[in-house]
C-alpha atoms as a PDB file:
ATOM      1  CA  MET A   1      69.118  -5.647 -12.242  1.00  0.00           C
ATOM      2  CA  GLU A   2      65.787  -6.816 -10.854  1.00  0.00           C
ATOM      3  CA  ASP A   3      63.506  -4.198 -12.416  1.00  0.00           C
ATOM      4  CA  ARG A   4      65.119  -4.118 -15.561  1.00  0.00           C
ATOM      5  CA  LYS A   5      61.957  -4.256 -18.399  1.00  0.00           C
ATOM      6  CA  ILE A   6      61.360  -7.741 -20.074  1.00  0.00           C
ATOM      7  CA  ALA A   7      60.611  -6.940 -24.014  1.00  0.00           C
ATOM      8  CA  VAL A   8      59.454 -10.235 -26.164  1.00  0.00           C
ATOM      9  CA  VAL A   9      60.328  -9.172 -29.854  1.00  0.00           C
ATOM     10  CA  THR A  10      58.798 -11.573 -32.645  1.00  0.00           C
ATOM     11  CA  GLY A  11      60.555 -12.065 -36.295  1.00  0.00           C
ATOM     12  CA  ALA A  12      63.663 -11.560 -33.938  1.00  0.00           C
ATOM     13  CA  GLY A  13      65.668 -13.568 -36.811  1.00  0.00           C
ATOM     14  CA  GLY A  14      65.548 -11.709 -39.552  1.00  0.00           C
ATOM     15  CA  GLY A  15      66.799  -8.240 -40.354  1.00  0.00           C
ATOM     16  CA  ILE A  16      64.789  -5.455 -38.547  1.00  0.00           C
ATOM     17  CA  GLY A  17      63.981  -8.221 -35.775  1.00  0.00           C
ATOM     18  CA  ARG A  18      67.486  -8.308 -34.940  1.00  0.00           C
ATOM     19  CA  ALA A  19      67.890  -4.932 -34.709  1.00  0.00           C
ATOM     20  CA  ILE A  20      64.999  -3.731 -32.742  1.00  0.00           C
ATOM     21  CA  CYS A  21      66.582  -6.618 -30.237  1.00  0.00           C
ATOM     22  CA  PHE A  22      69.534  -4.955 -29.784  1.00  0.00           C
ATOM     23  CA  ASP A  23      68.085  -1.506 -29.841  1.00  0.00           C
ATOM     24  CA  LEU A  24      65.522  -1.997 -26.318  1.00  0.00           C
ATOM     25  CA  ALA A  25      68.788  -4.264 -25.588  1.00  0.00           C
ATOM     26  CA  GLY A  26      70.848  -1.046 -25.442  1.00  0.00           C
ATOM     27  CA  ARG A  27      68.138   0.421 -23.450  1.00  0.00           C
ATOM     28  CA  GLY A  28      68.712  -1.761 -20.885  1.00  0.00           C
ATOM     29  CA  ALA A  29      65.270  -4.404 -21.912  1.00  0.00           C
ATOM     30  CA  GLU A  30      66.218  -8.197 -21.191  1.00  0.00           C
ATOM     31  CA  ILE A  31      65.413  -9.787 -24.552  1.00  0.00           C
ATOM     32  CA  VAL A  32      62.600 -12.872 -25.683  1.00  0.00           C
ATOM     33  CA  ALA A  33      63.669 -13.142 -28.830  1.00  0.00           C
ATOM     34  CA  VAL A  34      60.808 -15.477 -30.911  1.00  0.00           C
ATOM     35  CA  ASP A  35      61.202 -17.243 -34.346  1.00  0.00           C
ATOM     36  CA  ARG A  36      60.481 -20.032 -36.536  1.00  0.00           C
ATOM     37  CA  ASN A  37      63.327 -20.020 -37.662  1.00  0.00           C
ATOM     38  CA  ALA A  38      65.412 -21.967 -34.893  1.00  0.00           C
ATOM     39  CA  GLU A  39      68.912 -21.039 -36.616  1.00  0.00           C
ATOM     40  CA  ALA A  40      68.035 -17.489 -36.896  1.00  0.00           C
ATOM     41  CA  VAL A  41      67.084 -16.610 -33.474  1.00  0.00           C
ATOM     42  CA  ALA A  42      69.376 -18.784 -31.932  1.00  0.00           C
ATOM     43  CA  ALA A  43      72.015 -16.433 -33.581  1.00  0.00           C
ATOM     44  CA  ILE A  44      70.612 -13.425 -32.653  1.00  0.00           C
ATOM     45  CA  ALA A  45      70.897 -14.310 -28.935  1.00  0.00           C
ATOM     46  CA  ALA A  46      73.829 -15.906 -28.704  1.00  0.00           C
ATOM     47  CA  ASP A  47      75.184 -12.338 -30.549  1.00  0.00           C
ATOM     48  CA  LEU A  48      73.366 -10.184 -27.614  1.00  0.00           C
ATOM     49  CA  ARG A  49      74.575 -12.299 -24.788  1.00  0.00           C
ATOM     50  CA  ALA A  50      78.082 -12.087 -26.428  1.00  0.00           C
ATOM     51  CA  ALA A  51      77.682  -8.300 -26.282  1.00  0.00           C
ATOM     52  CA  GLY A  52      76.896  -8.282 -22.657  1.00  0.00           C
ATOM     53  CA  HIS A  53      73.173  -8.130 -22.909  1.00  0.00           C
ATOM     54  CA  ARG A  54      70.070 -10.443 -21.469  1.00  0.00           C
ATOM     55  CA  ALA A  55      68.176 -12.797 -23.806  1.00  0.00           C
ATOM     56  CA  ARG A  56      67.019 -15.740 -24.793  1.00  0.00           C
ATOM     57  CA  GLU A  57      65.593 -17.355 -27.433  1.00  0.00           C
ATOM     58  CA  VAL A  58      62.501 -19.231 -27.982  1.00  0.00           C
ATOM     59  CA  THR A  59      61.357 -21.190 -32.040  1.00  0.00           C
ATOM     60  CA  LEU A  60      57.653 -21.365 -32.494  1.00  0.00           C
ATOM     61  CA  ASP A  61      55.119 -21.208 -35.096  1.00  0.00           C
ATOM     62  CA  LEU A  62      53.133 -17.792 -33.954  1.00  0.00           C
ATOM     63  CA  THR A  63      50.313 -19.674 -35.765  1.00  0.00           C
ATOM     64  CA  ASP A  64      50.188 -22.540 -33.053  1.00  0.00           C
ATOM     65  CA  GLY A  65      48.070 -21.066 -29.908  1.00  0.00           C
ATOM     66  CA  ALA A  66      49.485 -23.985 -27.356  1.00  0.00           C
ATOM     67  CA  ALA A  67      52.804 -22.362 -28.440  1.00  0.00           C
ATOM     68  CA  LEU A  68      51.737 -19.127 -27.847  1.00  0.00           C
ATOM     69  CA  ASP A  69      50.259 -19.768 -24.608  1.00  0.00           C
ATOM     70  CA  ALA A  70      54.054 -22.021 -23.208  1.00  0.00           C
ATOM     71  CA  LEU A  71      55.456 -18.686 -24.393  1.00  0.00           C
ATOM     72  CA  VAL A  72      53.758 -16.163 -22.070  1.00  0.00           C
ATOM     73  CA  ALA A  73      54.098 -18.522 -19.454  1.00  0.00           C
ATOM     74  CA  ASP A  74      57.391 -19.218 -19.753  1.00  0.00           C
ATOM     75  CA  THR A  75      58.333 -15.736 -20.204  1.00  0.00           C
ATOM     76  CA  GLY A  76      56.219 -14.284 -16.567  1.00  0.00           C
ATOM     77  CA  ARG A  77      55.921 -10.669 -16.916  1.00  0.00           C
ATOM     78  CA  ILE A  78      56.020  -8.800 -20.008  1.00  0.00           C
ATOM     79  CA  ASP A  79      57.025  -5.108 -20.228  1.00  0.00           C
ATOM     80  CA  ILE A  80      56.960  -4.835 -24.430  1.00  0.00           C
ATOM     81  CA  LEU A  81      55.727  -7.364 -26.645  1.00  0.00           C
ATOM     82  CA  VAL A  82      56.979  -5.957 -29.658  1.00  0.00           C
ATOM     83  CA  ASN A  83      54.826  -7.953 -33.013  1.00  0.00           C
ATOM     84  CA  ASN A  84      57.458  -7.478 -35.717  1.00  0.00           C
ATOM     85  CA  ALA A  85      57.178 -11.468 -37.396  1.00  0.00           C
ATOM     86  CA  GLY A  86      55.455 -11.243 -40.842  1.00  0.00           C
ATOM     87  CA  VAL A  87      54.739 -12.594 -44.196  1.00  0.00           C
ATOM     88  CA  PHE A  88      55.166 -10.749 -47.697  1.00  0.00           C
ATOM     89  CA  ASP A  89      55.639 -11.349 -51.370  1.00  0.00           C
ATOM     90  CA  VAL A  90      54.800  -9.615 -54.211  1.00  0.00           C
ATOM     91  CA  LYS A  91      51.369 -10.721 -57.015  1.00  0.00           C
ATOM     92  CA  PRO A  92      49.264  -9.125 -58.910  1.00  0.00           C
ATOM     93  CA  PHE A  93      45.737  -9.093 -57.440  1.00  0.00           C
ATOM     94  CA  THR A  94      44.038 -11.045 -60.880  1.00  0.00           C
ATOM     95  CA  ASP A  95      47.148 -13.701 -59.895  1.00  0.00           C
ATOM     96  CA  LEU A  96      45.872 -13.899 -55.688  1.00  0.00           C
ATOM     97  CA  THR A  97      43.645 -16.118 -54.171  1.00  0.00           C
ATOM     98  CA  GLY A  98      41.469 -16.500 -50.943  1.00  0.00           C
ATOM     99  CA  ASP A  99      44.260 -18.369 -49.368  1.00  0.00           C
ATOM    100  CA  ASP A 100      46.889 -15.824 -50.299  1.00  0.00           C
ATOM    101  CA  PHE A 101      44.960 -13.116 -48.199  1.00  0.00           C
ATOM    102  CA  ARG A 102      44.200 -15.524 -45.532  1.00  0.00           C
ATOM    103  CA  ARG A 103      47.819 -16.541 -45.154  1.00  0.00           C
ATOM    104  CA  ASN A 104      48.498 -12.615 -44.981  1.00  0.00           C
ATOM    105  CA  TYR A 105      45.421 -11.802 -42.652  1.00  0.00           C
ATOM    106  CA  GLU A 106      46.482 -15.250 -40.603  1.00  0.00           C
ATOM    107  CA  VAL A 107      50.254 -14.950 -39.946  1.00  0.00           C
ATOM    108  CA  ASN A 108      49.976 -10.503 -40.138  1.00  0.00           C
ATOM    109  CA  VAL A 109      46.980  -9.493 -37.918  1.00  0.00           C
ATOM    110  CA  VAL A 110      45.860 -12.618 -36.325  1.00  0.00           C
ATOM    111  CA  ALA A 111      48.961 -14.058 -34.828  1.00  0.00           C
ATOM    112  CA  SER A 112      50.001 -10.919 -33.670  1.00  0.00           C
ATOM    113  CA  ALA A 113      46.675 -10.141 -31.725  1.00  0.00           C
ATOM    114  CA  GLU A 114      46.399 -13.782 -30.216  1.00  0.00           C
ATOM    115  CA  LEU A 115      49.998 -13.087 -28.753  1.00  0.00           C
ATOM    116  CA  ILE A 116      48.510  -9.928 -27.542  1.00  0.00           C
ATOM    117  CA  ARG A 117      45.421 -11.591 -25.699  1.00  0.00           C
ATOM    118  CA  ARG A 118      47.945 -13.298 -24.435  1.00  0.00           C
ATOM    119  CA  ALA A 119      50.598 -11.113 -22.991  1.00  0.00           C
ATOM    120  CA  LEU A 120      48.167  -8.457 -21.802  1.00  0.00           C
ATOM    121  CA  PRO A 121      47.246 -10.526 -17.967  1.00  0.00           C
ATOM    122  CA  ARG A 122      51.588 -10.397 -17.934  1.00  0.00           C
ATOM    123  CA  MET A 123      51.758  -6.914 -18.692  1.00  0.00           C
ATOM    124  CA  PRO A 124      51.987  -4.373 -15.996  1.00  0.00           C
ATOM    125  CA  SER A 125      50.680  -0.707 -16.186  1.00  0.00           C
ATOM    126  CA  GLY A 126      53.190   1.311 -17.811  1.00  0.00           C
ATOM    127  CA  GLY A 127      53.859  -1.403 -20.501  1.00  0.00           C
ATOM    128  CA  ALA A 128      53.663  -1.297 -24.030  1.00  0.00           C
ATOM    129  CA  ILE A 129      53.150  -2.674 -27.353  1.00  0.00           C
ATOM    130  CA  LEU A 130      54.471  -2.303 -30.739  1.00  0.00           C
ATOM    131  CA  ASN A 131      52.832  -3.648 -33.779  1.00  0.00           C
ATOM    132  CA  ILE A 132      55.189  -3.379 -37.124  1.00  0.00           C
ATOM    133  CA  ALA A 133      52.651  -2.195 -39.819  1.00  0.00           C
ATOM    134  CA  SER A 134      53.683  -0.984 -43.523  1.00  0.00           C
ATOM    135  CA  VAL A 135      53.539   2.134 -45.587  1.00  0.00           C
ATOM    136  CA  ALA A 136      51.607  -0.231 -47.720  1.00  0.00           C
ATOM    137  CA  MET A 137      48.786   0.103 -46.004  1.00  0.00           C
ATOM    138  CA  PHE A 138      48.107   3.124 -48.046  1.00  0.00           C
ATOM    139  CA  GLY A 139      47.671   1.305 -50.526  1.00  0.00           C
ATOM    140  CA  ALA A 140      50.335  -0.335 -53.010  1.00  0.00           C
ATOM    141  CA  PHE A 141      51.006  -1.790 -56.659  1.00  0.00           C
ATOM    142  CA  ASN A 142      50.781  -5.889 -57.003  1.00  0.00           C
ATOM    143  CA  PHE A 143      50.577  -6.608 -52.558  1.00  0.00           C
ATOM    144  CA  ALA A 144      46.768  -6.111 -52.575  1.00  0.00           C
ATOM    145  CA  HIS A 145      46.856  -9.067 -49.654  1.00  0.00           C
ATOM    146  CA  TYR A 146      49.788  -7.667 -47.761  1.00  0.00           C
ATOM    147  CA  ALA A 147      48.372  -3.822 -47.832  1.00  0.00           C
ATOM    148  CA  ALA A 148      45.319  -4.992 -46.652  1.00  0.00           C
ATOM    149  CA  SER A 149      46.826  -7.359 -43.485  1.00  0.00           C
ATOM    150  CA  LYS A 150      49.380  -3.964 -42.883  1.00  0.00           C
ATOM    151  CA  ALA A 151      45.895  -1.775 -43.045  1.00  0.00           C
ATOM    152  CA  ALA A 152      44.368  -4.315 -40.452  1.00  0.00           C
ATOM    153  CA  VAL A 153      47.631  -3.868 -38.716  1.00  0.00           C
ATOM    154  CA  GLY A 154      47.217  -0.058 -38.403  1.00  0.00           C
ATOM    155  CA  GLY A 155      43.583  -0.334 -37.004  1.00  0.00           C
ATOM    156  CA  LEU A 156      44.214  -2.893 -34.862  1.00  0.00           C
ATOM    157  CA  THR A 157      46.548  -0.886 -32.825  1.00  0.00           C
ATOM    158  CA  LYS A 158      44.187   2.230 -32.927  1.00  0.00           C
ATOM    159  CA  SER A 159      41.407   0.168 -31.409  1.00  0.00           C
ATOM    160  CA  LEU A 160      43.766  -1.537 -28.496  1.00  0.00           C
ATOM    161  CA  ALA A 161      45.116   1.955 -28.043  1.00  0.00           C
ATOM    162  CA  LEU A 162      41.733   3.030 -26.972  1.00  0.00           C
ATOM    163  CA  GLU A 163      40.662  -0.482 -25.059  1.00  0.00           C
ATOM    164  CA  PHE A 164      43.809  -0.791 -22.683  1.00  0.00           C
ATOM    165  CA  ALA A 165      44.649   2.738 -21.939  1.00  0.00           C
ATOM    166  CA  SER A 166      42.633   2.782 -18.837  1.00  0.00           C
ATOM    167  CA  ARG A 167      45.194  -0.362 -18.005  1.00  0.00           C
ATOM    168  CA  GLY A 168      48.200   1.934 -17.790  1.00  0.00           C
ATOM    169  CA  ILE A 169      49.219  -0.107 -21.387  1.00  0.00           C
ATOM    170  CA  ARG A 170      50.359   1.705 -24.666  1.00  0.00           C
ATOM    171  CA  VAL A 171      49.693   0.461 -27.699  1.00  0.00           C
ATOM    172  CA  ASN A 172      51.561   2.013 -31.458  1.00  0.00           C
ATOM    173  CA  ALA A 173      52.724   0.970 -34.643  1.00  0.00           C
ATOM    174  CA  VAL A 174      55.570   1.764 -36.783  1.00  0.00           C
ATOM    175  CA  ALA A 175      55.107   1.690 -40.781  1.00  0.00           C
ATOM    176  CA  PRO A 176      58.507   0.612 -42.277  1.00  0.00           C
ATOM    177  CA  GLY A 177      59.135   1.845 -45.761  1.00  0.00           C
ATOM    178  CA  ALA A 178      61.863   0.392 -48.343  1.00  0.00           C
ATOM    179  CA  ILE A 179      64.530  -0.957 -45.690  1.00  0.00           C
ATOM    180  CA  LYS A 180      67.309  -2.967 -46.492  1.00  0.00           C
ATOM    181  CA  THR A 181      66.186  -6.270 -45.087  1.00  0.00           C
ATOM    182  CA  PRO A 182      67.114  -9.703 -46.790  1.00  0.00           C
ATOM    183  CA  MET A 183      63.059 -10.212 -47.171  1.00  0.00           C
ATOM    184  CA  LEU A 184      63.425  -6.872 -49.514  1.00  0.00           C
ATOM    185  CA  LEU A 185      66.152  -7.772 -51.149  1.00  0.00           C
ATOM    186  CA  GLY A 186      64.989 -10.951 -51.572  1.00  0.00           C
ATOM    187  CA  ARG A 187      61.343  -9.211 -53.853  1.00  0.00           C
ATOM    188  CA  ASN A 188      60.339 -11.220 -56.437  1.00  0.00           C
ATOM    189  CA  ASP A 189      60.453  -8.903 -58.505  1.00  0.00           C
ATOM    190  CA  GLY A 190      63.730  -7.694 -58.066  1.00  0.00           C
ATOM    191  CA  ASP A 191      63.346  -4.291 -59.272  1.00  0.00           C
ATOM    192  CA  TYR A 192      64.463  -1.473 -56.728  1.00  0.00           C
ATOM    193  CA  SER A 193      65.571   1.636 -58.813  1.00  0.00           C
ATOM    194  CA  ASN A 194      61.741   2.769 -59.397  1.00  0.00           C
ATOM    195  CA  VAL A 195      61.408   2.582 -55.576  1.00  0.00           C
ATOM    196  CA  ILE A 196      64.197   4.498 -55.047  1.00  0.00           C
ATOM    197  CA  ARG A 197      63.464   7.143 -57.858  1.00  0.00           C
ATOM    198  CA  ARG A 198      60.435   7.918 -55.802  1.00  0.00           C
ATOM    199  CA  ILE A 199      61.792   8.006 -52.168  1.00  0.00           C
ATOM    200  CA  PRO A 200      62.530  11.744 -51.541  1.00  0.00           C
ATOM    201  CA  LEU A 201      65.421  11.388 -48.997  1.00  0.00           C
ATOM    202  CA  GLY A 202      67.049   8.594 -51.880  1.00  0.00           C
ATOM    203  CA  HIS A 203      67.553   5.772 -50.413  1.00  0.00           C
ATOM    204  CA  PHE A 204      66.466   2.613 -48.750  1.00  0.00           C
ATOM    205  CA  GLY A 205      66.549   3.147 -44.869  1.00  0.00           C
ATOM    206  CA  GLU A 206      68.305   0.429 -42.482  1.00  0.00           C
ATOM    207  CA  PRO A 207      66.898  -1.711 -40.041  1.00  0.00           C
ATOM    208  CA  GLU A 208      67.958   0.347 -37.325  1.00  0.00           C
ATOM    209  CA  ASP A 209      65.885   3.421 -38.396  1.00  0.00           C
ATOM    210  CA  ILE A 210      63.312   1.426 -37.876  1.00  0.00           C
ATOM    211  CA  ALA A 211      64.937  -0.238 -34.886  1.00  0.00           C
ATOM    212  CA  ALA A 212      64.838   3.185 -32.971  1.00  0.00           C
ATOM    213  CA  ALA A 213      61.324   4.223 -33.880  1.00  0.00           C
ATOM    214  CA  VAL A 214      60.563   1.108 -31.656  1.00  0.00           C
ATOM    215  CA  GLY A 215      62.179   1.859 -29.010  1.00  0.00           C
ATOM    216  CA  PHE A 216      61.349   5.130 -28.696  1.00  0.00           C
ATOM    217  CA  LEU A 217      57.850   4.380 -29.271  1.00  0.00           C
ATOM    218  CA  THR A 218      58.454   1.550 -26.259  1.00  0.00           C
ATOM    219  CA  SER A 219      60.392   3.749 -24.076  1.00  0.00           C
ATOM    220  CA  ASP A 220      59.180   5.823 -21.528  1.00  0.00           C
ATOM    221  CA  GLN A 221      59.870   9.007 -23.243  1.00  0.00           C
ATOM    222  CA  ALA A 222      56.951   8.080 -24.984  1.00  0.00           C
ATOM    223  CA  LYS A 223      54.569   7.377 -22.157  1.00  0.00           C
ATOM    224  CA  TYR A 224      52.017  10.171 -24.000  1.00  0.00           C
ATOM    225  CA  ILE A 225      51.761   8.428 -26.899  1.00  0.00           C
ATOM    226  CA  THR A 226      49.543   5.786 -27.790  1.00  0.00           C
ATOM    227  CA  GLY A 227      47.115   4.693 -30.824  1.00  0.00           C
ATOM    228  CA  VAL A 228      50.050   6.107 -33.301  1.00  0.00           C
ATOM    229  CA  VAL A 229      50.801   4.313 -36.375  1.00  0.00           C
ATOM    230  CA  LEU A 230      54.278   6.338 -37.268  1.00  0.00           C
ATOM    231  CA  VAL A 231      55.951   5.956 -40.498  1.00  0.00           C
ATOM    232  CA  VAL A 232      59.374   5.802 -41.181  1.00  0.00           C
ATOM    233  CA  ASP A 233      60.327   5.991 -44.708  1.00  0.00           C
ATOM    234  CA  GLY A 234      62.075   9.128 -46.143  1.00  0.00           C
ATOM    235  CA  GLY A 235      59.285  10.404 -47.007  1.00  0.00           C
ATOM    236  CA  ARG A 236      57.943   7.908 -49.691  1.00  0.00           C
ATOM    237  CA  VAL A 237      54.020   8.414 -48.801  1.00  0.00           C
ATOM    238  CA  LEU A 238      54.611  12.127 -49.590  1.00  0.00           C
ATOM    239  CA  THR A 239      55.062  10.826 -53.483  1.00  0.00           C
ATOM    240  CA  GLY A 240      52.104   9.035 -53.392  1.00  0.00           C
ATOM    241  CA  MET A 241      53.543   5.370 -53.762  1.00  0.00           C
ATOM    242  CA  PRO A 242      52.569   4.542 -57.284  1.00  0.00           C
ATOM    243  CA  ASN A 243      54.617   1.663 -56.619  1.00  0.00           C
ATOM    244  CA  ALA A 244      55.387  -0.120 -54.196  1.00  0.00           C
END
């Protein structure tokens, strides 16, 4: 199918990234799966192809500008860009250093902005950019560095939605709550009981819950939606989120 959409998904080797790739592929997109973990991204691309989808993998460090240039040049047209890659750790503010903040901003914000800047000339009218934020953007205990970076993702999303509207390119974000992924289950504090108690629906979300939201917002069904940060968290932000 010559007119199939081309979707670039960063952080494709992780739990949410994998689900996003399969959701978009199921909607007919050709997937360019991007991750710094060569083994993980090769596995997702192979699984997509085994399921009958069109996919290829790219291994790179998103903070490497030359690698981003090569990614965009090799991809050609980009109809959908999903900035899913990110870093995350648990640390009280009193233990944080400037380097902790810089690392979170560099990967969670700057790398996404740099990829968007490069991809923009390759995106046709009707294109869609989707950034992964987090409910931590509303405030989170022991996540000041991460929360600040994800709040920046929200601001970036809304600002670019305004700037790119005249090009016919929509920019939205999804803010996941507690999603059952290796990243969450690998938290260095290791206590999930308090988190679950504060989720009105009473359980963690699944990667597919986020993928479905991403799939909708990047589809033509959402052609009149831009500048939205869609919270997908089982109602958790309604509780005030005193703990992350």
